[in-house]
Amino acid sequence: MQDTPTATYSWWSREQRPYTRAELLVDGIVHVLGLVVAIAAGSILLAFAIIKTAPEAAPALTVYVASLVVVLGVSLAYNLWPVSPVKKLLARFDQAAIFLFIAGSYTPFLAVIGGTTTGVLMTTFVWGASLIGVALKLIVPEHFGRLAIALYLAIGWSGILVFQSLAQTLPQSTMMLLLAGGVTYSLGIIFHLWEKLKFQNALWHVFVVAGASLHLWAVLDCMVIHRL
């Protein structure tokens, strides 16, 4: 009697149900659209902020835009690359870039309260925890597993600790966009974990791009629109 093949997974590739060409195509389109928005809106943000509205925040904004472009670019390369040693290497960078992006997303907002004890402590925590995550994903990704998702969420929602300080400094519309982006990212994790769903990976990345777009709008809102 012939054995029934069993489904297997590795930490860096999907082996149970490889994505179809249609799924890869849609996922690629989502990534490319996200990159176009990130580069176009990010360039507008940097141009207006540096030249006119928030020149003092130029370093923080540059870190933010760079981390956004990097995370989307690396994700695009990893998700579309065929299974190979290169894909395994890209997986390390893809997972590490998420931690870098979380810290980068916080940077512009924490820069606003950067002169306070709360701002310094929060910046130290976010970047410290994120850099630990980056190191773990680059060095021992196979031992980190889905615990990384909990750490992503923990760092991402740690802003609640300084919510009051941010609410007193940032426009209300910015705070609403920040919350909306956080909720969007969190809801997207449902699709990230729902591996049997058709187009699951593309749907997950739709939520990622939507959450990133809301946070990009939030940065534009507080650093440009409300300062014109």
C-alpha atoms as a PDB file:
ATOM      1  CA  MET A   1       0.000   0.000   0.000  1.00  0.00           C
ATOM      2  CA  GLN A   2       1.436   3.373  -1.017  1.00  0.00           C
ATOM      3  CA  ASP A   3       1.949   5.929   1.701  1.00  0.00           C
ATOM      4  CA  THR A   4      -0.063   9.089   1.472  1.00  0.00           C
ATOM      5  CA  PRO A   5       2.256  12.092   1.136  1.00  0.00           C
ATOM      6  CA  THR A   6       2.164  14.393   4.105  1.00  0.00           C
ATOM      7  CA  ALA A   7       2.110  18.163   3.900  1.00  0.00           C
ATOM      8  CA  THR A   8       5.177  19.894   5.236  1.00  0.00           C
ATOM      9  CA  TYR A   9       6.293  23.446   5.933  1.00  0.00           C
ATOM     10  CA  SER A  10       9.615  25.110   6.466  1.00  0.00           C
ATOM     11  CA  TRP A  11      10.149  28.439   8.175  1.00  0.00           C
ATOM     12  CA  TRP A  12      10.885  30.125   4.849  1.00  0.00           C
ATOM     13  CA  SER A  13       8.720  28.454   2.196  1.00  0.00           C
ATOM     14  CA  ARG A  14       5.198  27.172   1.674  1.00  0.00           C
ATOM     15  CA  GLU A  15       5.208  23.511   0.724  1.00  0.00           C
ATOM     16  CA  GLN A  16       1.672  22.331   1.529  1.00  0.00           C
ATOM     17  CA  ARG A  17      -0.071  24.246  -1.251  1.00  0.00           C
ATOM     18  CA  PRO A  18       2.278  26.227  -3.482  1.00  0.00           C
ATOM     19  CA  TYR A  19       0.722  29.444  -4.705  1.00  0.00           C
ATOM     20  CA  THR A  20      -0.777  29.391  -8.179  1.00  0.00           C
ATOM     21  CA  ARG A  21       0.371  31.768 -10.902  1.00  0.00           C
ATOM     22  CA  ALA A  22      -2.797  33.796 -10.433  1.00  0.00           C
ATOM     23  CA  GLU A  23      -2.115  34.147  -6.698  1.00  0.00           C
ATOM     24  CA  LEU A  24       1.478  35.202  -7.342  1.00  0.00           C
ATOM     25  CA  LEU A  25       0.349  37.677  -9.994  1.00  0.00           C
ATOM     26  CA  VAL A  26      -2.212  39.329  -7.707  1.00  0.00           C
ATOM     27  CA  ASP A  27       0.280  39.395  -4.842  1.00  0.00           C
ATOM     28  CA  GLY A  28       2.863  41.022  -7.113  1.00  0.00           C
ATOM     29  CA  ILE A  29       0.365  43.669  -8.228  1.00  0.00           C
ATOM     30  CA  VAL A  30      -0.487  44.478  -4.591  1.00  0.00           C
ATOM     31  CA  HIS A  31       3.203  44.879  -3.766  1.00  0.00           C
ATOM     32  CA  VAL A  32       3.914  47.052  -6.808  1.00  0.00           C
ATOM     33  CA  LEU A  33       0.950  49.323  -6.056  1.00  0.00           C
ATOM     34  CA  GLY A  34       2.183  49.630  -2.474  1.00  0.00           C
ATOM     35  CA  LEU A  35       5.674  50.548  -3.669  1.00  0.00           C
ATOM     36  CA  VAL A  36       4.310  53.145  -6.096  1.00  0.00           C
ATOM     37  CA  VAL A  37       2.280  54.778  -3.318  1.00  0.00           C
ATOM     38  CA  ALA A  38       5.205  54.609  -0.893  1.00  0.00           C
ATOM     39  CA  ILE A  39       7.694  56.167  -3.309  1.00  0.00           C
ATOM     40  CA  ALA A  40       5.324  58.813  -4.679  1.00  0.00           C
ATOM     41  CA  ALA A  41       3.723  59.896  -1.389  1.00  0.00           C
ATOM     42  CA  GLY A  42       7.005  59.441   0.479  1.00  0.00           C
ATOM     43  CA  SER A  43       8.768  61.761  -1.954  1.00  0.00           C
ATOM     44  CA  ILE A  44       6.030  64.383  -1.572  1.00  0.00           C
ATOM     45  CA  LEU A  45       6.246  64.063   2.210  1.00  0.00           C
ATOM     46  CA  LEU A  46      10.015  64.526   2.273  1.00  0.00           C
ATOM     47  CA  ALA A  47       9.971  67.400  -0.209  1.00  0.00           C
ATOM     48  CA  PHE A  48       7.317  69.447   1.607  1.00  0.00           C
ATOM     49  CA  ALA A  49       8.560  68.626   5.101  1.00  0.00           C
ATOM     50  CA  ILE A  50      12.241  69.311   4.458  1.00  0.00           C
ATOM     51  CA  ILE A  51      11.730  72.453   2.378  1.00  0.00           C
ATOM     52  CA  LYS A  52       8.824  74.048   4.214  1.00  0.00           C
ATOM     53  CA  THR A  53       6.852  72.445   7.032  1.00  0.00           C
ATOM     54  CA  ALA A  54       9.111  70.272   9.211  1.00  0.00           C
ATOM     55  CA  PRO A  55      12.839  70.553   8.355  1.00  0.00           C
ATOM     56  CA  GLU A  56      13.755  69.576  11.922  1.00  0.00           C
ATOM     57  CA  ALA A  57      12.066  66.204  11.390  1.00  0.00           C
ATOM     58  CA  ALA A  58      13.992  65.385   8.203  1.00  0.00           C
ATOM     59  CA  PRO A  59      16.113  62.575   9.752  1.00  0.00           C
ATOM     60  CA  ALA A  60      13.077  60.869  11.322  1.00  0.00           C
ATOM     61  CA  LEU A  61      11.041  61.175   8.123  1.00  0.00           C
ATOM     62  CA  THR A  62      13.892  59.837   6.007  1.00  0.00           C
ATOM     63  CA  VAL A  63      14.193  56.791   8.272  1.00  0.00           C
ATOM     64  CA  TYR A  64      10.448  56.241   8.030  1.00  0.00           C
ATOM     65  CA  VAL A  65      10.176  56.486   4.241  1.00  0.00           C
ATOM     66  CA  ALA A  66      13.291  54.351   3.753  1.00  0.00           C
ATOM     67  CA  SER A  67      11.956  51.617   6.055  1.00  0.00           C
ATOM     68  CA  LEU A  68       8.617  51.625   4.201  1.00  0.00           C
ATOM     69  CA  VAL A  69      10.232  51.256   0.771  1.00  0.00           C
ATOM     70  CA  VAL A  70      12.652  48.599   2.044  1.00  0.00           C
ATOM     71  CA  VAL A  71       9.965  46.423   3.675  1.00  0.00           C
ATOM     72  CA  LEU A  72       7.755  46.473   0.565  1.00  0.00           C
ATOM     73  CA  GLY A  73      10.674  45.929  -1.814  1.00  0.00           C
ATOM     74  CA  VAL A  74      12.134  43.017   0.133  1.00  0.00           C
ATOM     75  CA  SER A  75       8.673  41.491   0.580  1.00  0.00           C
ATOM     76  CA  LEU A  76       8.055  41.710  -3.169  1.00  0.00           C
ATOM     77  CA  ALA A  77      11.364  39.991  -3.935  1.00  0.00           C
ATOM     78  CA  TYR A  78      10.859  37.250  -1.349  1.00  0.00           C
ATOM     79  CA  ASN A  79       7.246  36.415  -2.170  1.00  0.00           C
ATOM     80  CA  LEU A  80       7.796  36.197  -5.941  1.00  0.00           C
ATOM     81  CA  TRP A  81      11.194  34.494  -5.914  1.00  0.00           C
ATOM     82  CA  PRO A  82      11.095  30.761  -6.743  1.00  0.00           C
ATOM     83  CA  VAL A  83      12.057  28.262  -4.042  1.00  0.00           C
ATOM     84  CA  SER A  84      15.848  28.285  -3.905  1.00  0.00           C
ATOM     85  CA  PRO A  85      18.731  29.197  -1.578  1.00  0.00           C
ATOM     86  CA  VAL A  86      18.209  32.826  -2.639  1.00  0.00           C
ATOM     87  CA  LYS A  87      14.589  32.715  -1.445  1.00  0.00           C
ATOM     88  CA  LYS A  88      15.752  31.309   1.886  1.00  0.00           C
ATOM     89  CA  LEU A  89      18.137  34.259   2.264  1.00  0.00           C
ATOM     90  CA  LEU A  90      15.428  36.721   1.220  1.00  0.00           C
ATOM     91  CA  ALA A  91      13.152  35.212   3.879  1.00  0.00           C
ATOM     92  CA  ARG A  92      15.579  36.330   6.580  1.00  0.00           C
ATOM     93  CA  PHE A  93      15.606  39.881   5.247  1.00  0.00           C
ATOM     94  CA  ASP A  94      11.842  39.906   4.707  1.00  0.00           C
ATOM     95  CA  GLN A  95      11.049  38.944   8.294  1.00  0.00           C
ATOM     96  CA  ALA A  96      13.752  41.196   9.742  1.00  0.00           C
ATOM     97  CA  ALA A  97      12.564  44.157   7.652  1.00  0.00           C
ATOM     98  CA  ILE A  98       9.167  44.019   9.358  1.00  0.00           C
ATOM     99  CA  PHE A  99      10.775  44.847  12.704  1.00  0.00           C
ATOM    100  CA  LEU A 100      12.759  47.638  11.068  1.00  0.00           C
ATOM    101  CA  PHE A 101       9.584  49.018   9.510  1.00  0.00           C
ATOM    102  CA  ILE A 102       7.663  48.992  12.801  1.00  0.00           C
ATOM    103  CA  ALA A 103      10.395  51.044  14.450  1.00  0.00           C
ATOM    104  CA  GLY A 104      10.630  53.294  11.404  1.00  0.00           C
ATOM    105  CA  SER A 105       6.869  53.907  11.469  1.00  0.00           C
ATOM    106  CA  TYR A 106       7.039  55.058  15.083  1.00  0.00           C
ATOM    107  CA  THR A 107       9.995  57.381  14.524  1.00  0.00           C
ATOM    108  CA  PRO A 108       8.226  60.453  13.047  1.00  0.00           C
ATOM    109  CA  PHE A 109       5.570  60.475  15.770  1.00  0.00           C
ATOM    110  CA  LEU A 110       7.998  59.866  18.630  1.00  0.00           C
ATOM    111  CA  ALA A 111      10.168  62.660  17.232  1.00  0.00           C
ATOM    112  CA  VAL A 112       7.319  65.036  18.045  1.00  0.00           C
ATOM    113  CA  ILE A 113       7.651  64.156  21.753  1.00  0.00           C
ATOM    114  CA  GLY A 114      11.360  63.415  21.483  1.00  0.00           C
ATOM    115  CA  GLY A 115      12.361  66.101  23.958  1.00  0.00           C
ATOM    116  CA  THR A 116      10.404  64.486  26.780  1.00  0.00           C
ATOM    117  CA  THR A 117      11.319  61.622  29.086  1.00  0.00           C
ATOM    118  CA  THR A 118       8.350  59.663  27.763  1.00  0.00           C
ATOM    119  CA  GLY A 119       9.486  60.158  24.192  1.00  0.00           C
ATOM    120  CA  VAL A 120      13.073  59.114  24.902  1.00  0.00           C
ATOM    121  CA  LEU A 121      12.018  55.998  26.831  1.00  0.00           C
ATOM    122  CA  MET A 122       9.510  54.954  24.189  1.00  0.00           C
ATOM    123  CA  THR A 123      11.969  55.493  21.347  1.00  0.00           C
ATOM    124  CA  THR A 124      14.580  53.444  23.200  1.00  0.00           C
ATOM    125  CA  PHE A 125      12.098  50.624  23.808  1.00  0.00           C
ATOM    126  CA  VAL A 126      10.715  50.505  20.261  1.00  0.00           C
ATOM    127  CA  TRP A 127      14.100  50.574  18.560  1.00  0.00           C
ATOM    128  CA  GLY A 128      15.715  48.273  21.127  1.00  0.00           C
ATOM    129  CA  ALA A 129      12.982  45.632  20.836  1.00  0.00           C
ATOM    130  CA  SER A 130      12.890  45.950  17.048  1.00  0.00           C
ATOM    131  CA  LEU A 131      16.660  45.567  16.664  1.00  0.00           C
ATOM    132  CA  ILE A 132      16.535  42.451  18.850  1.00  0.00           C
ATOM    133  CA  GLY A 133      13.835  41.121  16.527  1.00  0.00           C
ATOM    134  CA  VAL A 134      15.963  41.974  13.484  1.00  0.00           C
ATOM    135  CA  ALA A 135      18.952  40.124  14.970  1.00  0.00           C
ATOM    136  CA  LEU A 136      16.896  37.040  15.816  1.00  0.00           C
ATOM    137  CA  LYS A 137      15.357  36.908  12.358  1.00  0.00           C
ATOM    138  CA  LEU A 138      18.717  37.276  10.648  1.00  0.00           C
ATOM    139  CA  ILE A 139      20.612  34.831  12.863  1.00  0.00           C
ATOM    140  CA  VAL A 140      18.154  32.168  14.064  1.00  0.00           C
ATOM    141  CA  PRO A 141      14.910  32.610  12.078  1.00  0.00           C
ATOM    142  CA  GLU A 142      14.096  28.899  12.242  1.00  0.00           C
ATOM    143  CA  HIS A 143      13.824  29.085  16.047  1.00  0.00           C
ATOM    144  CA  PHE A 144      11.639  32.179  16.226  1.00  0.00           C
ATOM    145  CA  GLY A 145       8.540  30.960  14.386  1.00  0.00           C
ATOM    146  CA  ARG A 146       5.139  32.495  14.978  1.00  0.00           C
ATOM    147  CA  LEU A 147       6.270  34.017  18.248  1.00  0.00           C
ATOM    148  CA  ALA A 148       7.448  36.789  15.964  1.00  0.00           C
ATOM    149  CA  ILE A 149       3.818  37.660  15.200  1.00  0.00           C
ATOM    150  CA  ALA A 150       3.173  38.240  18.906  1.00  0.00           C
ATOM    151  CA  LEU A 151       6.281  40.424  19.099  1.00  0.00           C
ATOM    152  CA  TYR A 152       5.242  42.366  15.985  1.00  0.00           C
ATOM    153  CA  LEU A 153       1.883  43.077  17.607  1.00  0.00           C
ATOM    154  CA  ALA A 154       3.402  43.880  21.005  1.00  0.00           C
ATOM    155  CA  ILE A 155       5.789  46.457  19.581  1.00  0.00           C
ATOM    156  CA  GLY A 156       3.187  47.770  17.166  1.00  0.00           C
ATOM    157  CA  TRP A 157       0.584  48.386  19.866  1.00  0.00           C
ATOM    158  CA  SER A 158       3.082  49.571  22.507  1.00  0.00           C
ATOM    159  CA  GLY A 159       2.181  53.085  21.392  1.00  0.00           C
ATOM    160  CA  ILE A 160      -0.806  52.802  23.708  1.00  0.00           C
ATOM    161  CA  LEU A 161       1.675  53.471  26.507  1.00  0.00           C
ATOM    162  CA  VAL A 162       2.257  56.985  25.165  1.00  0.00           C
ATOM    163  CA  PHE A 163      -1.211  57.497  23.712  1.00  0.00           C
ATOM    164  CA  GLN A 164      -2.000  60.391  26.021  1.00  0.00           C
ATOM    165  CA  SER A 165       1.242  62.189  25.236  1.00  0.00           C
ATOM    166  CA  LEU A 166       0.715  61.766  21.511  1.00  0.00           C
ATOM    167  CA  ALA A 167      -2.945  62.794  21.724  1.00  0.00           C
ATOM    168  CA  GLN A 168      -1.926  66.047  23.407  1.00  0.00           C
ATOM    169  CA  THR A 169       0.599  66.807  20.675  1.00  0.00           C
ATOM    170  CA  LEU A 170      -0.724  65.372  17.418  1.00  0.00           C
ATOM    171  CA  PRO A 171      -3.881  66.486  15.551  1.00  0.00           C
ATOM    172  CA  GLN A 172      -6.991  64.416  16.240  1.00  0.00           C
ATOM    173  CA  SER A 173      -7.164  63.387  12.590  1.00  0.00           C
ATOM    174  CA  THR A 174      -3.618  62.011  12.824  1.00  0.00           C
ATOM    175  CA  MET A 175      -4.517  59.951  15.882  1.00  0.00           C
ATOM    176  CA  MET A 176      -7.559  58.525  14.110  1.00  0.00           C
ATOM    177  CA  LEU A 177      -5.435  57.539  11.126  1.00  0.00           C
ATOM    178  CA  LEU A 178      -2.866  55.927  13.419  1.00  0.00           C
ATOM    179  CA  LEU A 179      -5.527  53.850  15.150  1.00  0.00           C
ATOM    180  CA  ALA A 180      -7.151  52.893  11.847  1.00  0.00           C
ATOM    181  CA  GLY A 181      -3.798  51.743  10.502  1.00  0.00           C
ATOM    182  CA  GLY A 182      -3.067  49.669  13.598  1.00  0.00           C
ATOM    183  CA  VAL A 183      -6.468  47.972  13.421  1.00  0.00           C
ATOM    184  CA  THR A 184      -5.996  47.277   9.697  1.00  0.00           C
ATOM    185  CA  TYR A 185      -2.611  45.617  10.266  1.00  0.00           C
ATOM    186  CA  SER A 186      -4.038  43.529  13.109  1.00  0.00           C
ATOM    187  CA  LEU A 187      -7.065  42.356  11.096  1.00  0.00           C
ATOM    188  CA  GLY A 188      -4.772  41.376   8.255  1.00  0.00           C
ATOM    189  CA  ILE A 189      -3.035  38.821  10.456  1.00  0.00           C
ATOM    190  CA  ILE A 190      -6.211  36.724  10.213  1.00  0.00           C
ATOM    191  CA  PHE A 191      -5.458  36.192   6.519  1.00  0.00           C
ATOM    192  CA  HIS A 192      -1.760  35.695   7.186  1.00  0.00           C
ATOM    193  CA  LEU A 193      -2.647  32.714   9.389  1.00  0.00           C
ATOM    194  CA  TRP A 194      -5.524  31.430   7.211  1.00  0.00           C
ATOM    195  CA  GLU A 195      -3.191  29.439   4.972  1.00  0.00           C
ATOM    196  CA  LYS A 196      -5.831  27.270   3.281  1.00  0.00           C
ATOM    197  CA  LEU A 197      -7.706  30.273   1.904  1.00  0.00           C
ATOM    198  CA  LYS A 198      -7.239  30.969  -1.788  1.00  0.00           C
ATOM    199  CA  PHE A 199      -5.336  34.240  -2.383  1.00  0.00           C
ATOM    200  CA  GLN A 200      -4.588  34.264   1.349  1.00  0.00           C
ATOM    201  CA  ASN A 201      -1.132  35.801   0.927  1.00  0.00           C
ATOM    202  CA  ALA A 202      -2.349  38.515  -1.430  1.00  0.00           C
ATOM    203  CA  LEU A 203      -5.178  39.404   0.973  1.00  0.00           C
ATOM    204  CA  TRP A 204      -2.711  39.624   3.850  1.00  0.00           C
ATOM    205  CA  HIS A 205      -0.568  42.003   1.827  1.00  0.00           C
ATOM    206  CA  VAL A 206      -3.632  44.074   0.877  1.00  0.00           C
ATOM    207  CA  PHE A 207      -4.105  44.744   4.589  1.00  0.00           C
ATOM    208  CA  VAL A 208      -0.390  45.494   4.981  1.00  0.00           C
ATOM    209  CA  VAL A 209      -0.444  48.019   2.149  1.00  0.00           C
ATOM    210  CA  ALA A 210      -3.707  49.533   3.444  1.00  0.00           C
ATOM    211  CA  GLY A 211      -2.321  49.854   6.982  1.00  0.00           C
ATOM    212  CA  ALA A 212       0.928  51.328   5.692  1.00  0.00           C
ATOM    213  CA  SER A 213      -1.016  53.799   3.521  1.00  0.00           C
ATOM    214  CA  LEU A 214      -3.109  54.944   6.489  1.00  0.00           C
ATOM    215  CA  HIS A 215       0.037  55.528   8.552  1.00  0.00           C
ATOM    216  CA  LEU A 216       1.698  57.327   5.637  1.00  0.00           C
ATOM    217  CA  TRP A 217      -1.358  59.555   5.432  1.00  0.00           C
ATOM    218  CA  ALA A 218      -1.069  60.135   9.182  1.00  0.00           C
ATOM    219  CA  VAL A 219       2.539  61.288   8.788  1.00  0.00           C
ATOM    220  CA  LEU A 220       1.562  63.579   5.912  1.00  0.00           C
ATOM    221  CA  ASP A 221      -1.314  64.880   8.017  1.00  0.00           C
ATOM    222  CA  CYS A 222       0.765  65.929  11.002  1.00  0.00           C
ATOM    223  CA  MET A 223       4.037  66.842   9.289  1.00  0.00           C
ATOM    224  CA  VAL A 224       2.709  68.636   6.212  1.00  0.00           C
ATOM    225  CA  ILE A 225      -1.039  69.275   5.999  1.00  0.00           C
ATOM    226  CA  HIS A 226      -1.482  70.713   9.505  1.00  0.00           C
ATOM    227  CA  ARG A 227       1.664  72.838   9.143  1.00  0.00           C
ATOM    228  CA  LEU A 228       0.906  74.530   5.825  1.00  0.00           C
END
